[in-house]
Amino acid sequence: MSETEALSAEKWTRIMNGAGAVFAADGYEGASMAAIAAEAGVSKGTLYNYFPSKAALFTAFVREECRRKLAHVFDLAEPDGAPEAVLRSVGRRMLEVMISPVGQTIYRVVIAEATRFPELARAFFDAGPARAIGSLAEWLALQTERGQLRVPDPEFAAEQFFCLCQTRLVLRQKLGLLATPGKGEIARVVDAAAAMFLATYAPVSR
């Protein structure tokens, strides 16, 4: 039985929200199960019944956030639309996830703790970046079969596209050198990334 099945939806949400608030404020090492339980409004014993360790709780939190955010990124895209429109849609939503407060919190905690807790880094990569790359790679492969694109290595190209979408914005924000960009700036960066991507991967006839 998974955590989501064992816990009511209301209590699961409270625990995930509490974990997010405490991890954001205290980091992974500084966060305690007692503080998370208090923030969530549950007993510490209840928390340990479902999450045997802080690492298990953080992993569950990361997986839940990635599941929710990636559903937003990909489910709202029109898979049969024009490639440029789909890339722009996916790129903008992915960039919004990366620079969101929750996205920044997860990234900073994982980077800070990756050396001491490599299992946290692996859980984050598998639940977030790897799933996003895999989903986009599947779409790129399908468009290649249909003759809409010409992508010999879809997984590499998917990762390449997401890296292009981070230009000028993501690193600066991670370093605290840039305020949260508006939708216009996000669109400008992603549109340029899509144009560069298609210049390489559009069929020669186009």
C-alpha atoms as a PDB file:
ATOM      1  CA  MET A   1       0.000   0.000   0.000  1.00  0.00           C
ATOM      2  CA  SER A   2       1.459   3.378  -0.981  1.00  0.00           C
ATOM      3  CA  GLU A   3       1.501   6.496   1.193  1.00  0.00           C
ATOM      4  CA  THR A   4      -1.247   8.085  -0.917  1.00  0.00           C
ATOM      5  CA  GLU A   5      -3.493   5.027  -0.386  1.00  0.00           C
ATOM      6  CA  ALA A   6      -2.786   4.756   3.326  1.00  0.00           C
ATOM      7  CA  LEU A   7      -3.375   8.437   4.093  1.00  0.00           C
ATOM      8  CA  SER A   8      -6.514  10.422   3.420  1.00  0.00           C
ATOM      9  CA  ALA A   9      -6.143  12.964   0.633  1.00  0.00           C
ATOM     10  CA  GLU A  10      -6.603  15.796   3.125  1.00  0.00           C
ATOM     11  CA  LYS A  11      -3.916  14.538   5.511  1.00  0.00           C
ATOM     12  CA  TRP A  12      -1.536  13.734   2.631  1.00  0.00           C
ATOM     13  CA  THR A  13      -1.873  17.308   1.376  1.00  0.00           C
ATOM     14  CA  ARG A  14      -1.256  18.725   4.839  1.00  0.00           C
ATOM     15  CA  ILE A  15       1.888  16.641   5.271  1.00  0.00           C
ATOM     16  CA  MET A  16       3.249  17.535   1.845  1.00  0.00           C
ATOM     17  CA  ASN A  17       2.543  21.236   2.430  1.00  0.00           C
ATOM     18  CA  GLY A  18       4.116  21.060   5.871  1.00  0.00           C
ATOM     19  CA  ALA A  19       7.183  19.291   4.520  1.00  0.00           C
ATOM     20  CA  GLY A  20       7.561  21.874   1.762  1.00  0.00           C
ATOM     21  CA  ALA A  21       7.352  24.766   4.220  1.00  0.00           C
ATOM     22  CA  VAL A  22       9.908  23.298   6.633  1.00  0.00           C
ATOM     23  CA  PHE A  23      12.359  22.156   3.965  1.00  0.00           C
ATOM     24  CA  ALA A  24      12.179  25.611   2.375  1.00  0.00           C
ATOM     25  CA  ALA A  25      12.865  27.339   5.687  1.00  0.00           C
ATOM     26  CA  ASP A  26      15.424  24.996   7.264  1.00  0.00           C
ATOM     27  CA  GLY A  27      16.959  22.970   4.428  1.00  0.00           C
ATOM     28  CA  TYR A  28      17.166  19.204   4.535  1.00  0.00           C
ATOM     29  CA  GLU A  29      19.697  18.864   7.350  1.00  0.00           C
ATOM     30  CA  GLY A  30      18.032  21.508   9.503  1.00  0.00           C
ATOM     31  CA  ALA A  31      14.505  20.180   9.050  1.00  0.00           C
ATOM     32  CA  SER A  32      13.159  17.825  11.700  1.00  0.00           C
ATOM     33  CA  MET A  33      10.296  15.389  11.604  1.00  0.00           C
ATOM     34  CA  ALA A  34       8.898  17.076  14.720  1.00  0.00           C
ATOM     35  CA  ALA A  35       8.826  20.461  12.980  1.00  0.00           C
ATOM     36  CA  ILE A  36       7.195  18.976   9.889  1.00  0.00           C
ATOM     37  CA  ALA A  37       4.583  17.202  12.008  1.00  0.00           C
ATOM     38  CA  ALA A  38       3.782  20.431  13.827  1.00  0.00           C
ATOM     39  CA  GLU A  39       3.556  22.383  10.564  1.00  0.00           C
ATOM     40  CA  ALA A  40       1.255  19.716   9.108  1.00  0.00           C
ATOM     41  CA  GLY A  41      -0.901  19.473  12.219  1.00  0.00           C
ATOM     42  CA  VAL A  42      -0.263  15.767  12.822  1.00  0.00           C
ATOM     43  CA  SER A  43       1.580  13.879  15.533  1.00  0.00           C
ATOM     44  CA  LYS A  44       5.182  12.864  15.039  1.00  0.00           C
ATOM     45  CA  GLY A  45       4.104   9.269  15.590  1.00  0.00           C
ATOM     46  CA  THR A  46       1.613   9.539  12.739  1.00  0.00           C
ATOM     47  CA  LEU A  47       4.308  10.936  10.484  1.00  0.00           C
ATOM     48  CA  TYR A  48       6.669   8.052  11.286  1.00  0.00           C
ATOM     49  CA  ASN A  49       3.896   5.528  10.682  1.00  0.00           C
ATOM     50  CA  TYR A  50       3.916   6.433   7.002  1.00  0.00           C
ATOM     51  CA  PHE A  51       7.429   7.817   6.484  1.00  0.00           C
ATOM     52  CA  PRO A  52      10.093   5.848   8.362  1.00  0.00           C
ATOM     53  CA  SER A  53      12.737   8.538   7.884  1.00  0.00           C
ATOM     54  CA  LYS A  54      13.203  12.140   6.852  1.00  0.00           C
ATOM     55  CA  ALA A  55      14.773  10.911   3.623  1.00  0.00           C
ATOM     56  CA  ALA A  56      11.621   8.906   2.848  1.00  0.00           C
ATOM     57  CA  LEU A  57       9.449  11.943   3.501  1.00  0.00           C
ATOM     58  CA  PHE A  58      11.596  14.241   1.373  1.00  0.00           C
ATOM     59  CA  THR A  59      11.584  11.696  -1.441  1.00  0.00           C
ATOM     60  CA  ALA A  60       7.789  11.468  -1.257  1.00  0.00           C
ATOM     61  CA  PHE A  61       7.536  15.258  -1.284  1.00  0.00           C
ATOM     62  CA  VAL A  62       9.788  15.538  -4.338  1.00  0.00           C
ATOM     63  CA  ARG A  63       7.902  12.824  -6.210  1.00  0.00           C
ATOM     64  CA  GLU A  64       4.553  14.427  -5.441  1.00  0.00           C
ATOM     65  CA  GLU A  65       5.658  17.872  -6.570  1.00  0.00           C
ATOM     66  CA  CYS A  66       7.242  16.509  -9.734  1.00  0.00           C
ATOM     67  CA  ARG A  67       4.129  14.476 -10.526  1.00  0.00           C
ATOM     68  CA  ARG A  68       1.875  17.505 -10.137  1.00  0.00           C
ATOM     69  CA  LYS A  69       4.131  19.943 -11.971  1.00  0.00           C
ATOM     70  CA  LEU A  70       4.949  17.650 -14.870  1.00  0.00           C
ATOM     71  CA  ALA A  71       1.262  16.843 -15.347  1.00  0.00           C
ATOM     72  CA  HIS A  72       0.722  20.564 -15.793  1.00  0.00           C
ATOM     73  CA  VAL A  73       3.606  20.827 -18.233  1.00  0.00           C
ATOM     74  CA  PHE A  74       2.627  17.981 -20.541  1.00  0.00           C
ATOM     75  CA  ASP A  75      -1.095  17.372 -20.104  1.00  0.00           C
ATOM     76  CA  LEU A  76      -2.033  20.848 -21.299  1.00  0.00           C
ATOM     77  CA  ALA A  77       0.043  20.595 -24.474  1.00  0.00           C
ATOM     78  CA  GLU A  78      -1.608  19.707 -27.785  1.00  0.00           C
ATOM     79  CA  PRO A  79       0.405  16.627 -28.846  1.00  0.00           C
ATOM     80  CA  ASP A  80      -0.926  16.786 -32.406  1.00  0.00           C
ATOM     81  CA  GLY A  81      -0.369  20.504 -32.806  1.00  0.00           C
ATOM     82  CA  ALA A  82       2.328  22.131 -34.883  1.00  0.00           C
ATOM     83  CA  PRO A  83       5.782  21.278 -33.457  1.00  0.00           C
ATOM     84  CA  GLU A  84       6.678  24.907 -32.847  1.00  0.00           C
ATOM     85  CA  ALA A  85       3.479  25.526 -30.863  1.00  0.00           C
ATOM     86  CA  VAL A  86       3.936  22.382 -28.772  1.00  0.00           C
ATOM     87  CA  LEU A  87       7.568  23.190 -28.003  1.00  0.00           C
ATOM     88  CA  ARG A  88       6.671  26.714 -26.967  1.00  0.00           C
ATOM     89  CA  SER A  89       3.887  25.481 -24.717  1.00  0.00           C
ATOM     90  CA  VAL A  90       5.968  22.784 -23.043  1.00  0.00           C
ATOM     91  CA  GLY A  91       9.015  25.036 -22.765  1.00  0.00           C
ATOM     92  CA  ARG A  92       7.136  27.893 -21.119  1.00  0.00           C
ATOM     93  CA  ARG A  93       5.441  25.655 -18.582  1.00  0.00           C
ATOM     94  CA  MET A  94       8.661  23.811 -17.795  1.00  0.00           C
ATOM     95  CA  LEU A  95      10.516  27.069 -17.270  1.00  0.00           C
ATOM     96  CA  GLU A  96       7.761  28.299 -14.954  1.00  0.00           C
ATOM     97  CA  VAL A  97       8.166  25.106 -12.906  1.00  0.00           C
ATOM     98  CA  MET A  98      11.936  25.524 -12.703  1.00  0.00           C
ATOM     99  CA  ILE A  99      11.750  29.092 -11.411  1.00  0.00           C
ATOM    100  CA  SER A 100       8.747  28.599  -9.125  1.00  0.00           C
ATOM    101  CA  PRO A 101       9.337  28.878  -5.360  1.00  0.00           C
ATOM    102  CA  VAL A 102       8.747  25.129  -4.902  1.00  0.00           C
ATOM    103  CA  GLY A 103      11.013  24.276  -7.819  1.00  0.00           C
ATOM    104  CA  GLN A 104      13.771  26.458  -6.424  1.00  0.00           C
ATOM    105  CA  THR A 105      13.357  25.001  -2.923  1.00  0.00           C
ATOM    106  CA  ILE A 106      13.672  21.417  -4.138  1.00  0.00           C
ATOM    107  CA  TYR A 107      16.671  22.210  -6.323  1.00  0.00           C
ATOM    108  CA  ARG A 108      18.536  24.070  -3.584  1.00  0.00           C
ATOM    109  CA  VAL A 109      17.942  21.344  -1.005  1.00  0.00           C
ATOM    110  CA  VAL A 110      19.025  18.592  -3.395  1.00  0.00           C
ATOM    111  CA  ILE A 111      22.170  20.431  -4.486  1.00  0.00           C
ATOM    112  CA  ALA A 112      23.106  21.252  -0.896  1.00  0.00           C
ATOM    113  CA  GLU A 113      22.706  17.657   0.257  1.00  0.00           C
ATOM    114  CA  ALA A 114      23.689  15.676  -2.862  1.00  0.00           C
ATOM    115  CA  THR A 115      27.184  14.788  -1.646  1.00  0.00           C
ATOM    116  CA  ARG A 116      26.071  13.467   1.729  1.00  0.00           C
ATOM    117  CA  PHE A 117      22.736  12.049   0.590  1.00  0.00           C
ATOM    118  CA  PRO A 118      23.137  10.879  -3.025  1.00  0.00           C
ATOM    119  CA  GLU A 119      19.875   8.932  -2.783  1.00  0.00           C
ATOM    120  CA  LEU A 120      18.014  12.251  -2.562  1.00  0.00           C
ATOM    121  CA  ALA A 121      19.684  13.481  -5.735  1.00  0.00           C
ATOM    122  CA  ARG A 122      18.777  10.249  -7.527  1.00  0.00           C
ATOM    123  CA  ALA A 123      15.156  10.437  -6.350  1.00  0.00           C
ATOM    124  CA  PHE A 124      14.899  14.028  -7.595  1.00  0.00           C
ATOM    125  CA  PHE A 125      16.487  13.266 -10.948  1.00  0.00           C
ATOM    126  CA  ASP A 126      14.315  10.207 -11.568  1.00  0.00           C
ATOM    127  CA  ALA A 127      11.069  11.914 -10.540  1.00  0.00           C
ATOM    128  CA  GLY A 128      11.715  15.241 -12.256  1.00  0.00           C
ATOM    129  CA  PRO A 129      14.317  15.787 -14.991  1.00  0.00           C
ATOM    130  CA  ALA A 130      14.409  12.180 -16.203  1.00  0.00           C
ATOM    131  CA  ARG A 131      10.616  11.977 -16.500  1.00  0.00           C
ATOM    132  CA  ALA A 132      10.421  15.316 -18.293  1.00  0.00           C
ATOM    133  CA  ILE A 133      13.149  14.331 -20.729  1.00  0.00           C
ATOM    134  CA  GLY A 134      11.508  10.971 -21.320  1.00  0.00           C
ATOM    135  CA  SER A 135       8.090  12.489 -22.011  1.00  0.00           C
ATOM    136  CA  LEU A 136       9.460  15.023 -24.473  1.00  0.00           C
ATOM    137  CA  ALA A 137      11.663  12.355 -26.096  1.00  0.00           C
ATOM    138  CA  GLU A 138       8.594  10.185 -26.740  1.00  0.00           C
ATOM    139  CA  TRP A 139       6.853  13.097 -28.436  1.00  0.00           C
ATOM    140  CA  LEU A 140       9.929  13.912 -30.522  1.00  0.00           C
ATOM    141  CA  ALA A 141      10.191  10.283 -31.633  1.00  0.00           C
ATOM    142  CA  LEU A 142       6.521  10.296 -32.633  1.00  0.00           C
ATOM    143  CA  GLN A 143       6.923  13.513 -34.624  1.00  0.00           C
ATOM    144  CA  THR A 144       9.953  12.015 -36.347  1.00  0.00           C
ATOM    145  CA  GLU A 145       7.886   8.971 -37.356  1.00  0.00           C
ATOM    146  CA  ARG A 146       5.233  11.317 -38.755  1.00  0.00           C
ATOM    147  CA  GLY A 147       7.787  13.312 -40.713  1.00  0.00           C
ATOM    148  CA  GLN A 148       7.142  16.511 -38.758  1.00  0.00           C
ATOM    149  CA  LEU A 149      10.649  16.537 -37.293  1.00  0.00           C
ATOM    150  CA  ARG A 150      13.989  14.866 -37.966  1.00  0.00           C
ATOM    151  CA  VAL A 151      15.424  13.871 -34.577  1.00  0.00           C
ATOM    152  CA  PRO A 152      17.961  11.011 -34.665  1.00  0.00           C
ATOM    153  CA  ASP A 153      18.434  10.917 -30.871  1.00  0.00           C
ATOM    154  CA  PRO A 154      15.176  12.028 -29.176  1.00  0.00           C
ATOM    155  CA  GLU A 155      16.442  11.714 -25.595  1.00  0.00           C
ATOM    156  CA  PHE A 156      19.502  13.853 -26.287  1.00  0.00           C
ATOM    157  CA  ALA A 157      17.410  16.388 -28.194  1.00  0.00           C
ATOM    158  CA  ALA A 158      14.839  16.598 -25.381  1.00  0.00           C
ATOM    159  CA  GLU A 159      17.521  17.391 -22.825  1.00  0.00           C
ATOM    160  CA  GLN A 160      19.046  19.862 -25.256  1.00  0.00           C
ATOM    161  CA  PHE A 161      15.727  21.700 -25.627  1.00  0.00           C
ATOM    162  CA  PHE A 162      15.197  22.017 -21.874  1.00  0.00           C
ATOM    163  CA  CYS A 163      18.735  23.372 -21.493  1.00  0.00           C
ATOM    164  CA  LEU A 164      18.097  25.962 -24.200  1.00  0.00           C
ATOM    165  CA  CYS A 165      14.975  27.097 -22.352  1.00  0.00           C
ATOM    166  CA  GLN A 166      17.050  27.960 -19.275  1.00  0.00           C
ATOM    167  CA  THR A 167      19.165  30.551 -21.104  1.00  0.00           C
ATOM    168  CA  ARG A 168      19.739  33.789 -19.197  1.00  0.00           C
ATOM    169  CA  LEU A 169      17.072  33.140 -16.565  1.00  0.00           C
ATOM    170  CA  VAL A 170      17.507  29.968 -14.530  1.00  0.00           C
ATOM    171  CA  LEU A 171      21.144  30.201 -13.415  1.00  0.00           C
ATOM    172  CA  ARG A 172      20.817  33.876 -12.504  1.00  0.00           C
ATOM    173  CA  GLN A 173      17.728  33.185 -10.429  1.00  0.00           C
ATOM    174  CA  LYS A 174      19.357  30.215  -8.677  1.00  0.00           C
ATOM    175  CA  LEU A 175      22.174  32.554  -7.672  1.00  0.00           C
ATOM    176  CA  GLY A 176      19.750  35.206  -6.444  1.00  0.00           C
ATOM    177  CA  LEU A 177      20.867  37.655  -9.138  1.00  0.00           C
ATOM    178  CA  LEU A 178      17.496  37.941 -10.852  1.00  0.00           C
ATOM    179  CA  ALA A 179      13.961  38.567  -9.699  1.00  0.00           C
ATOM    180  CA  THR A 180      11.281  36.165 -10.891  1.00  0.00           C
ATOM    181  CA  PRO A 181      10.884  36.907 -14.616  1.00  0.00           C
ATOM    182  CA  GLY A 182       7.516  37.786 -16.067  1.00  0.00           C
ATOM    183  CA  LYS A 183       5.625  35.804 -18.672  1.00  0.00           C
ATOM    184  CA  GLY A 184       6.888  38.075 -21.446  1.00  0.00           C
ATOM    185  CA  GLU A 185      10.538  37.370 -20.649  1.00  0.00           C
ATOM    186  CA  ILE A 186       9.841  33.647 -20.307  1.00  0.00           C
ATOM    187  CA  ALA A 187       8.098  33.636 -23.688  1.00  0.00           C
ATOM    188  CA  ARG A 188      10.976  35.485 -25.330  1.00  0.00           C
ATOM    189  CA  VAL A 189      13.544  32.971 -24.088  1.00  0.00           C
ATOM    190  CA  VAL A 190      11.454  29.894 -24.911  1.00  0.00           C
ATOM    191  CA  ASP A 191      10.435  31.162 -28.348  1.00  0.00           C
ATOM    192  CA  ALA A 192      14.099  31.706 -29.191  1.00  0.00           C
ATOM    193  CA  ALA A 193      14.930  28.219 -27.893  1.00  0.00           C
ATOM    194  CA  ALA A 194      12.188  26.658 -30.013  1.00  0.00           C
ATOM    195  CA  ALA A 195      13.366  28.529 -33.110  1.00  0.00           C
ATOM    196  CA  MET A 196      16.960  27.377 -32.602  1.00  0.00           C
ATOM    197  CA  PHE A 197      15.836  23.810 -31.896  1.00  0.00           C
ATOM    198  CA  LEU A 198      13.711  23.642 -35.046  1.00  0.00           C
ATOM    199  CA  ALA A 199      16.509  25.107 -37.137  1.00  0.00           C
ATOM    200  CA  THR A 200      18.387  21.888 -36.381  1.00  0.00           C
ATOM    201  CA  TYR A 201      15.607  19.309 -36.202  1.00  0.00           C
ATOM    202  CA  ALA A 202      12.984  20.410 -38.723  1.00  0.00           C
ATOM    203  CA  PRO A 203      12.803  18.260 -41.869  1.00  0.00           C
ATOM    204  CA  VAL A 204      15.113  19.452 -44.619  1.00  0.00           C
ATOM    205  CA  SER A 205      12.139  20.128 -46.910  1.00  0.00           C
ATOM    206  CA  ARG A 206      10.881  22.697 -44.434  1.00  0.00           C
END
